[in-house]
Amino acid sequence: MAGTQTMDSSRSLLRLPSVKTSLAAITGVMMLVNLYLIFMVAPTDSVLGHVQRVFYFHVPIAIMSFLAFFVVFAGSLMYLIKRTPKWDAIAHASAEVGVVFVTLALITGIIWARPIWNTWWTWEPRLTTTLILWLIYVAYLMVRSYAPTQAKGAIYAAVMGIVGFVDVPIVYYSVVWWRSIHPSAVVGPFAQADALDGTMALILLYSFITFLFFFAYMVMERMELRKTEEEVARVRFLLRRSGR
């Protein structure tokens, strides 16, 4: 019986790298196609010019950060209910990936803003609430790092991951609730039906799917790395106990 369980465990460990490798290959190919579509197929905006192509990166990246923080919210809630390490691992991995995505969303937004608004930064509602979102989840990661124990860090971070998600809808609705110079939504419930040209809409959709695959790969990669970190920490603890 023990031998069977060991074999099943070994097979599952072999399957995970295989799935991750396949996902990485698919994502890489999709990224190359996405770059071709953005720079060679997408029409040049008659008003904004080539800088408008940043839009195909900025919008999907921003939406992926929202998705990442929703996963943090769901994983944190499940961890507080069940106290299962798996949920904490999912929330932690997704938070780290989410911080990367929201950082890139801010950077691509700044790249777009400079030639259009003639400034790198302005304290308009969408940018301000997005910066607050970045600060919340950077603080989430810091809470985990500086908590007195790993268990307490997981609990504190779970609470923060749930409360911090409140800012996600605020970021989206900010252009509706307050006067803003930020462009109106092109996706979601407040987007107009003819907000985008047909070709632009299809390329944006493809970009969404590409970054969704990239997000899934990044979360899987981070969760596997977390397992490695835990194994290394366990080995170090055993070595210290043995006096080596």
C-alpha atoms as a PDB file:
ATOM      1  CA  MET A   1       0.000   0.000   0.000  1.00  0.00           C
ATOM      2  CA  ALA A   2       2.813   2.374   0.941  1.00  0.00           C
ATOM      3  CA  GLY A   3       4.603   1.490  -2.282  1.00  0.00           C
ATOM      4  CA  THR A   4       1.497   2.361  -4.318  1.00  0.00           C
ATOM      5  CA  GLN A   5       1.170   5.746  -2.588  1.00  0.00           C
ATOM      6  CA  THR A   6       4.832   6.491  -3.253  1.00  0.00           C
ATOM      7  CA  MET A   7       4.409   5.645  -6.945  1.00  0.00           C
ATOM      8  CA  ASP A   8       1.292   7.856  -7.198  1.00  0.00           C
ATOM      9  CA  SER A   9       3.149  10.719  -5.513  1.00  0.00           C
ATOM     10  CA  SER A  10       6.096  10.309  -7.881  1.00  0.00           C
ATOM     11  CA  ARG A  11       3.806  10.337 -10.902  1.00  0.00           C
ATOM     12  CA  SER A  12       2.085  13.537  -9.726  1.00  0.00           C
ATOM     13  CA  LEU A  13       5.475  15.207  -9.242  1.00  0.00           C
ATOM     14  CA  LEU A  14       6.467  14.186 -12.761  1.00  0.00           C
ATOM     15  CA  ARG A  15       3.195  15.481 -14.212  1.00  0.00           C
ATOM     16  CA  LEU A  16       3.512  18.991 -12.730  1.00  0.00           C
ATOM     17  CA  PRO A  17       6.793  19.927 -14.498  1.00  0.00           C
ATOM     18  CA  SER A  18       5.360  18.452 -17.702  1.00  0.00           C
ATOM     19  CA  VAL A  19       2.230  20.625 -17.477  1.00  0.00           C
ATOM     20  CA  LYS A  20       4.318  23.658 -16.557  1.00  0.00           C
ATOM     21  CA  THR A  21       6.753  23.081 -19.435  1.00  0.00           C
ATOM     22  CA  SER A  22       3.889  22.717 -21.912  1.00  0.00           C
ATOM     23  CA  LEU A  23       2.245  25.847 -20.574  1.00  0.00           C
ATOM     24  CA  ALA A  24       5.534  27.753 -20.846  1.00  0.00           C
ATOM     25  CA  ALA A  25       5.986  26.648 -24.477  1.00  0.00           C
ATOM     26  CA  ILE A  26       2.413  27.567 -25.426  1.00  0.00           C
ATOM     27  CA  THR A  27       2.720  30.935 -23.678  1.00  0.00           C
ATOM     28  CA  GLY A  28       6.011  31.675 -25.440  1.00  0.00           C
ATOM     29  CA  VAL A  29       4.515  30.996 -28.868  1.00  0.00           C
ATOM     30  CA  MET A  30       1.410  33.044 -28.033  1.00  0.00           C
ATOM     31  CA  MET A  31       3.591  35.949 -26.886  1.00  0.00           C
ATOM     32  CA  LEU A  32       5.488  35.968 -30.194  1.00  0.00           C
ATOM     33  CA  VAL A  33       2.228  35.920 -32.161  1.00  0.00           C
ATOM     34  CA  ASN A  34       0.860  38.660 -29.911  1.00  0.00           C
ATOM     35  CA  LEU A  35       3.860  40.887 -30.591  1.00  0.00           C
ATOM     36  CA  TYR A  36       3.419  40.368 -34.331  1.00  0.00           C
ATOM     37  CA  LEU A  37      -0.279  41.256 -34.156  1.00  0.00           C
ATOM     38  CA  ILE A  38       0.350  44.358 -32.039  1.00  0.00           C
ATOM     39  CA  PHE A  39       3.183  45.831 -34.105  1.00  0.00           C
ATOM     40  CA  MET A  40       2.425  44.525 -37.612  1.00  0.00           C
ATOM     41  CA  VAL A  41      -1.341  43.984 -37.844  1.00  0.00           C
ATOM     42  CA  ALA A  42      -3.034  46.384 -35.428  1.00  0.00           C
ATOM     43  CA  PRO A  43      -4.016  49.642 -37.153  1.00  0.00           C
ATOM     44  CA  THR A  44      -2.190  52.826 -36.159  1.00  0.00           C
ATOM     45  CA  ASP A  45      -4.476  55.220 -34.310  1.00  0.00           C
ATOM     46  CA  SER A  46      -5.040  58.362 -36.365  1.00  0.00           C
ATOM     47  CA  VAL A  47      -4.946  60.605 -33.278  1.00  0.00           C
ATOM     48  CA  LEU A  48      -2.548  58.936 -30.816  1.00  0.00           C
ATOM     49  CA  GLY A  49      -0.170  57.366 -33.327  1.00  0.00           C
ATOM     50  CA  HIS A  50       2.068  54.401 -32.478  1.00  0.00           C
ATOM     51  CA  VAL A  51       2.043  55.059 -28.732  1.00  0.00           C
ATOM     52  CA  GLN A  52      -1.498  53.672 -28.760  1.00  0.00           C
ATOM     53  CA  ARG A  53       0.013  50.185 -29.176  1.00  0.00           C
ATOM     54  CA  VAL A  54       0.950  50.287 -25.493  1.00  0.00           C
ATOM     55  CA  PHE A  55      -2.788  49.838 -24.939  1.00  0.00           C
ATOM     56  CA  TYR A  56      -2.537  46.154 -26.009  1.00  0.00           C
ATOM     57  CA  PHE A  57      -0.121  45.540 -23.149  1.00  0.00           C
ATOM     58  CA  HIS A  58      -1.475  47.953 -20.548  1.00  0.00           C
ATOM     59  CA  VAL A  59      -5.118  46.862 -20.493  1.00  0.00           C
ATOM     60  CA  PRO A  60      -4.556  43.060 -20.342  1.00  0.00           C
ATOM     61  CA  ILE A  61      -1.797  43.490 -17.742  1.00  0.00           C
ATOM     62  CA  ALA A  62      -4.070  45.650 -15.580  1.00  0.00           C
ATOM     63  CA  ILE A  63      -6.916  43.115 -15.840  1.00  0.00           C
ATOM     64  CA  MET A  64      -4.528  40.267 -14.975  1.00  0.00           C
ATOM     65  CA  SER A  65      -3.516  42.146 -11.815  1.00  0.00           C
ATOM     66  CA  PHE A  66      -7.214  42.332 -10.878  1.00  0.00           C
ATOM     67  CA  LEU A  67      -7.528  38.590 -11.519  1.00  0.00           C
ATOM     68  CA  ALA A  68      -4.441  37.893  -9.419  1.00  0.00           C
ATOM     69  CA  PHE A  69      -5.799  39.856  -6.474  1.00  0.00           C
ATOM     70  CA  PHE A  70      -9.165  38.122  -6.794  1.00  0.00           C
ATOM     71  CA  VAL A  71      -7.315  34.801  -6.497  1.00  0.00           C
ATOM     72  CA  VAL A  72      -5.563  36.220  -3.406  1.00  0.00           C
ATOM     73  CA  PHE A  73      -8.969  37.174  -2.000  1.00  0.00           C
ATOM     74  CA  ALA A  74     -10.468  33.729  -2.667  1.00  0.00           C
ATOM     75  CA  GLY A  75      -7.378  31.843  -1.485  1.00  0.00           C
ATOM     76  CA  SER A  76      -7.149  33.938   1.696  1.00  0.00           C
ATOM     77  CA  LEU A  77     -10.822  33.400   2.473  1.00  0.00           C
ATOM     78  CA  MET A  78     -10.508  29.648   1.987  1.00  0.00           C
ATOM     79  CA  TYR A  79      -7.359  29.565   4.129  1.00  0.00           C
ATOM     80  CA  LEU A  80      -9.089  31.317   7.034  1.00  0.00           C
ATOM     81  CA  ILE A  81     -12.016  28.887   6.771  1.00  0.00           C
ATOM     82  CA  LYS A  82     -10.099  25.624   6.279  1.00  0.00           C
ATOM     83  CA  ARG A  83      -6.547  26.504   7.414  1.00  0.00           C
ATOM     84  CA  THR A  84      -5.209  24.378   4.551  1.00  0.00           C
ATOM     85  CA  PRO A  85      -1.626  25.305   3.509  1.00  0.00           C
ATOM     86  CA  LYS A  86      -2.559  24.784  -0.149  1.00  0.00           C
ATOM     87  CA  TRP A  87      -4.862  27.823  -0.116  1.00  0.00           C
ATOM     88  CA  ASP A  88      -2.236  29.967   1.566  1.00  0.00           C
ATOM     89  CA  ALA A  89       0.310  28.892  -1.065  1.00  0.00           C
ATOM     90  CA  ILE A  90      -2.081  29.842  -3.893  1.00  0.00           C
ATOM     91  CA  ALA A  91      -2.812  33.239  -2.320  1.00  0.00           C
ATOM     92  CA  HIS A  92       0.872  33.954  -1.698  1.00  0.00           C
ATOM     93  CA  ALA A  93       1.955  32.989  -5.227  1.00  0.00           C
ATOM     94  CA  SER A  94      -0.858  34.970  -6.811  1.00  0.00           C
ATOM     95  CA  ALA A  95      -0.054  38.033  -4.681  1.00  0.00           C
ATOM     96  CA  GLU A  96       3.555  38.038  -5.862  1.00  0.00           C
ATOM     97  CA  VAL A  97       2.508  37.655  -9.496  1.00  0.00           C
ATOM     98  CA  GLY A  98      -0.174  40.313  -9.003  1.00  0.00           C
ATOM     99  CA  VAL A  99       2.375  42.804  -7.693  1.00  0.00           C
ATOM    100  CA  VAL A 100       4.478  42.203 -10.818  1.00  0.00           C
ATOM    101  CA  PHE A 101       1.450  42.786 -13.051  1.00  0.00           C
ATOM    102  CA  VAL A 102       0.233  45.929 -11.283  1.00  0.00           C
ATOM    103  CA  THR A 103       3.797  47.304 -11.378  1.00  0.00           C
ATOM    104  CA  LEU A 104       3.883  46.725 -15.144  1.00  0.00           C
ATOM    105  CA  ALA A 105       0.418  48.310 -15.443  1.00  0.00           C
ATOM    106  CA  LEU A 106       1.733  51.458 -13.748  1.00  0.00           C
ATOM    107  CA  ILE A 107       4.872  51.509 -15.919  1.00  0.00           C
ATOM    108  CA  THR A 108       2.990  51.028 -19.212  1.00  0.00           C
ATOM    109  CA  GLY A 109       0.473  53.646 -18.096  1.00  0.00           C
ATOM    110  CA  ILE A 110       3.290  56.104 -17.464  1.00  0.00           C
ATOM    111  CA  ILE A 111       4.826  55.332 -20.891  1.00  0.00           C
ATOM    112  CA  TRP A 112       1.470  56.117 -22.496  1.00  0.00           C
ATOM    113  CA  ALA A 113       0.855  59.230 -20.376  1.00  0.00           C
ATOM    114  CA  ARG A 114       4.083  61.053 -21.199  1.00  0.00           C
ATOM    115  CA  PRO A 115       3.408  61.782 -24.896  1.00  0.00           C
ATOM    116  CA  ILE A 116      -0.383  62.071 -24.464  1.00  0.00           C
ATOM    117  CA  TRP A 117      -0.672  64.100 -21.239  1.00  0.00           C
ATOM    118  CA  ASN A 118       2.806  65.660 -21.472  1.00  0.00           C
ATOM    119  CA  THR A 119       3.635  64.413 -17.964  1.00  0.00           C
ATOM    120  CA  TRP A 120       4.961  61.199 -16.469  1.00  0.00           C
ATOM    121  CA  TRP A 121       2.503  61.251 -13.580  1.00  0.00           C
ATOM    122  CA  THR A 122      -0.619  63.060 -12.468  1.00  0.00           C
ATOM    123  CA  TRP A 123      -2.719  62.439  -9.363  1.00  0.00           C
ATOM    124  CA  GLU A 124      -5.899  61.613 -11.242  1.00  0.00           C
ATOM    125  CA  PRO A 125      -8.272  58.985  -9.710  1.00  0.00           C
ATOM    126  CA  ARG A 126      -7.324  55.924 -11.793  1.00  0.00           C
ATOM    127  CA  LEU A 127      -3.576  56.363 -11.324  1.00  0.00           C
ATOM    128  CA  THR A 128      -3.908  57.213  -7.632  1.00  0.00           C
ATOM    129  CA  THR A 129      -6.127  54.235  -6.791  1.00  0.00           C
ATOM    130  CA  THR A 130      -3.846  51.919  -8.782  1.00  0.00           C
ATOM    131  CA  LEU A 131      -0.828  53.156  -6.829  1.00  0.00           C
ATOM    132  CA  ILE A 132      -2.763  52.492  -3.599  1.00  0.00           C
ATOM    133  CA  LEU A 133      -3.480  48.973  -4.879  1.00  0.00           C
ATOM    134  CA  TRP A 134       0.249  48.453  -5.469  1.00  0.00           C
ATOM    135  CA  LEU A 135       1.057  49.671  -1.952  1.00  0.00           C
ATOM    136  CA  ILE A 136      -1.569  47.377  -0.391  1.00  0.00           C
ATOM    137  CA  TYR A 137      -0.147  44.213  -1.910  1.00  0.00           C
ATOM    138  CA  VAL A 138       3.471  45.203  -1.388  1.00  0.00           C
ATOM    139  CA  ALA A 139       2.448  45.596   2.273  1.00  0.00           C
ATOM    140  CA  TYR A 140       0.812  42.140   2.042  1.00  0.00           C
ATOM    141  CA  LEU A 141       4.166  40.642   1.059  1.00  0.00           C
ATOM    142  CA  MET A 142       5.987  42.583   3.769  1.00  0.00           C
ATOM    143  CA  VAL A 143       3.548  41.328   6.422  1.00  0.00           C
ATOM    144  CA  ARG A 144       4.368  37.773   5.412  1.00  0.00           C
ATOM    145  CA  SER A 145       8.098  38.446   5.536  1.00  0.00           C
ATOM    146  CA  TYR A 146       8.233  40.221   8.884  1.00  0.00           C
ATOM    147  CA  ALA A 147       5.619  38.285  10.891  1.00  0.00           C
ATOM    148  CA  PRO A 148       7.043  36.565  14.013  1.00  0.00           C
ATOM    149  CA  THR A 149       6.105  33.112  12.673  1.00  0.00           C
ATOM    150  CA  GLN A 150       5.104  31.701   9.300  1.00  0.00           C
ATOM    151  CA  ALA A 151       1.676  30.673  10.653  1.00  0.00           C
ATOM    152  CA  LYS A 152       0.928  34.160  11.977  1.00  0.00           C
ATOM    153  CA  GLY A 153       2.216  35.684   8.749  1.00  0.00           C
ATOM    154  CA  ALA A 154      -0.230  33.548   6.763  1.00  0.00           C
ATOM    155  CA  ILE A 155      -3.148  34.638   8.962  1.00  0.00           C
ATOM    156  CA  TYR A 156      -2.239  38.348   8.930  1.00  0.00           C
ATOM    157  CA  ALA A 157      -1.697  38.265   5.176  1.00  0.00           C
ATOM    158  CA  ALA A 158      -5.001  36.434   4.598  1.00  0.00           C
ATOM    159  CA  VAL A 159      -6.894  39.184   6.411  1.00  0.00           C
ATOM    160  CA  MET A 160      -5.024  41.831   4.434  1.00  0.00           C
ATOM    161  CA  GLY A 161      -5.633  39.977   1.166  1.00  0.00           C
ATOM    162  CA  ILE A 162      -9.376  39.992   1.808  1.00  0.00           C
ATOM    163  CA  VAL A 163      -9.629  43.618   2.938  1.00  0.00           C
ATOM    164  CA  GLY A 164      -7.202  44.879   0.283  1.00  0.00           C
ATOM    165  CA  PHE A 165      -9.335  43.490  -2.546  1.00  0.00           C
ATOM    166  CA  VAL A 166     -11.851  46.276  -1.863  1.00  0.00           C
ATOM    167  CA  ASP A 167      -9.583  48.613  -3.841  1.00  0.00           C
ATOM    168  CA  VAL A 168      -9.877  46.553  -7.044  1.00  0.00           C
ATOM    169  CA  PRO A 169     -13.458  47.626  -7.923  1.00  0.00           C
ATOM    170  CA  ILE A 170     -12.567  51.160  -6.778  1.00  0.00           C
ATOM    171  CA  VAL A 171      -9.775  51.244  -9.388  1.00  0.00           C
ATOM    172  CA  TYR A 172     -12.145  50.100 -12.130  1.00  0.00           C
ATOM    173  CA  TYR A 173     -15.028  52.420 -11.203  1.00  0.00           C
ATOM    174  CA  SER A 174     -12.775  55.416 -10.492  1.00  0.00           C
ATOM    175  CA  VAL A 175     -13.238  56.849 -13.997  1.00  0.00           C
ATOM    176  CA  VAL A 176     -17.022  56.689 -13.473  1.00  0.00           C
ATOM    177  CA  TRP A 177     -17.253  57.957  -9.902  1.00  0.00           C
ATOM    178  CA  TRP A 178     -14.827  60.888 -10.185  1.00  0.00           C
ATOM    179  CA  ARG A 179     -13.851  63.396 -12.842  1.00  0.00           C
ATOM    180  CA  SER A 180     -10.838  61.932 -14.589  1.00  0.00           C
ATOM    181  CA  ILE A 181      -8.660  62.575 -17.617  1.00  0.00           C
ATOM    182  CA  HIS A 182      -8.057  58.844 -17.936  1.00  0.00           C
ATOM    183  CA  PRO A 183      -9.699  57.281 -21.025  1.00  0.00           C
ATOM    184  CA  SER A 184     -13.064  55.631 -20.389  1.00  0.00           C
ATOM    185  CA  ALA A 185     -13.310  51.845 -20.131  1.00  0.00           C
ATOM    186  CA  VAL A 186     -13.011  49.817 -23.349  1.00  0.00           C
ATOM    187  CA  VAL A 187     -13.889  46.513 -21.655  1.00  0.00           C
ATOM    188  CA  GLY A 188     -16.385  45.679 -18.931  1.00  0.00           C
ATOM    189  CA  PRO A 189     -19.886  46.910 -18.092  1.00  0.00           C
ATOM    190  CA  PHE A 190     -19.135  50.601 -18.750  1.00  0.00           C
ATOM    191  CA  ALA A 191     -17.508  50.099 -22.154  1.00  0.00           C
ATOM    192  CA  GLN A 192     -19.414  51.316 -25.187  1.00  0.00           C
ATOM    193  CA  ALA A 193     -20.341  48.742 -27.815  1.00  0.00           C
ATOM    194  CA  ASP A 194     -18.347  50.571 -30.530  1.00  0.00           C
ATOM    195  CA  ALA A 195     -15.439  51.596 -28.289  1.00  0.00           C
ATOM    196  CA  LEU A 196     -12.955  49.677 -30.448  1.00  0.00           C
ATOM    197  CA  ASP A 197     -12.443  48.948 -34.112  1.00  0.00           C
ATOM    198  CA  GLY A 198     -13.140  45.274 -34.939  1.00  0.00           C
ATOM    199  CA  THR A 199      -9.478  44.435 -35.631  1.00  0.00           C
ATOM    200  CA  MET A 200      -8.349  46.229 -32.475  1.00  0.00           C
ATOM    201  CA  ALA A 201     -10.943  44.384 -30.396  1.00  0.00           C
ATOM    202  CA  LEU A 202      -9.831  40.979 -31.720  1.00  0.00           C
ATOM    203  CA  ILE A 203      -6.147  41.714 -31.079  1.00  0.00           C
ATOM    204  CA  LEU A 204      -6.976  42.972 -27.579  1.00  0.00           C
ATOM    205  CA  LEU A 205      -8.924  39.759 -26.921  1.00  0.00           C
ATOM    206  CA  TYR A 206      -5.974  37.663 -28.112  1.00  0.00           C
ATOM    207  CA  SER A 207      -3.672  39.700 -25.873  1.00  0.00           C
ATOM    208  CA  PHE A 208      -5.989  39.006 -22.914  1.00  0.00           C
ATOM    209  CA  ILE A 209      -5.818  35.262 -23.557  1.00  0.00           C
ATOM    210  CA  THR A 210      -2.025  35.396 -23.950  1.00  0.00           C
ATOM    211  CA  PHE A 211      -1.528  37.170 -20.644  1.00  0.00           C
ATOM    212  CA  LEU A 212      -3.987  34.807 -18.972  1.00  0.00           C
ATOM    213  CA  PHE A 213      -1.759  31.878 -19.989  1.00  0.00           C
ATOM    214  CA  PHE A 214       1.264  33.842 -18.783  1.00  0.00           C
ATOM    215  CA  PHE A 215      -0.437  34.497 -15.441  1.00  0.00           C
ATOM    216  CA  ALA A 216      -1.243  30.792 -14.977  1.00  0.00           C
ATOM    217  CA  TYR A 217       2.348  29.836 -15.791  1.00  0.00           C
ATOM    218  CA  MET A 218       3.784  32.403 -13.379  1.00  0.00           C
ATOM    219  CA  VAL A 219       1.571  31.216 -10.501  1.00  0.00           C
ATOM    220  CA  MET A 220       2.508  27.573 -11.120  1.00  0.00           C
ATOM    221  CA  GLU A 221       6.196  28.480 -11.292  1.00  0.00           C
ATOM    222  CA  ARG A 222       6.015  30.435  -8.040  1.00  0.00           C
ATOM    223  CA  MET A 223       4.163  27.655  -6.218  1.00  0.00           C
ATOM    224  CA  GLU A 224       6.783  25.111  -7.297  1.00  0.00           C
ATOM    225  CA  LEU A 225       9.548  27.459  -6.181  1.00  0.00           C
ATOM    226  CA  ARG A 226       7.812  27.827  -2.818  1.00  0.00           C
ATOM    227  CA  LYS A 227       7.917  24.041  -2.363  1.00  0.00           C
ATOM    228  CA  THR A 228      11.642  24.083  -3.096  1.00  0.00           C
ATOM    229  CA  GLU A 229      12.170  26.898  -0.578  1.00  0.00           C
ATOM    230  CA  GLU A 230      10.284  24.926   2.085  1.00  0.00           C
ATOM    231  CA  GLU A 231      12.391  21.825   1.413  1.00  0.00           C
ATOM    232  CA  VAL A 232      15.609  23.847   1.691  1.00  0.00           C
ATOM    233  CA  ALA A 233      14.402  25.421   4.949  1.00  0.00           C
ATOM    234  CA  ARG A 234      13.532  21.960   6.315  1.00  0.00           C
ATOM    235  CA  VAL A 235      16.982  20.614   5.432  1.00  0.00           C
ATOM    236  CA  ARG A 236      18.681  23.602   7.077  1.00  0.00           C
ATOM    237  CA  PHE A 237      16.587  23.105  10.221  1.00  0.00           C
ATOM    238  CA  LEU A 238      17.549  19.426  10.407  1.00  0.00           C
ATOM    239  CA  LEU A 239      21.224  20.289   9.891  1.00  0.00           C
ATOM    240  CA  ARG A 240      21.107  22.852  12.691  1.00  0.00           C
ATOM    241  CA  ARG A 241      19.472  20.329  15.018  1.00  0.00           C
ATOM    242  CA  SER A 242      22.130  17.783  14.231  1.00  0.00           C
ATOM    243  CA  GLY A 243      24.846  20.359  14.927  1.00  0.00           C
ATOM    244  CA  ARG A 244      26.382  20.282  11.461  1.00  0.00           C
END
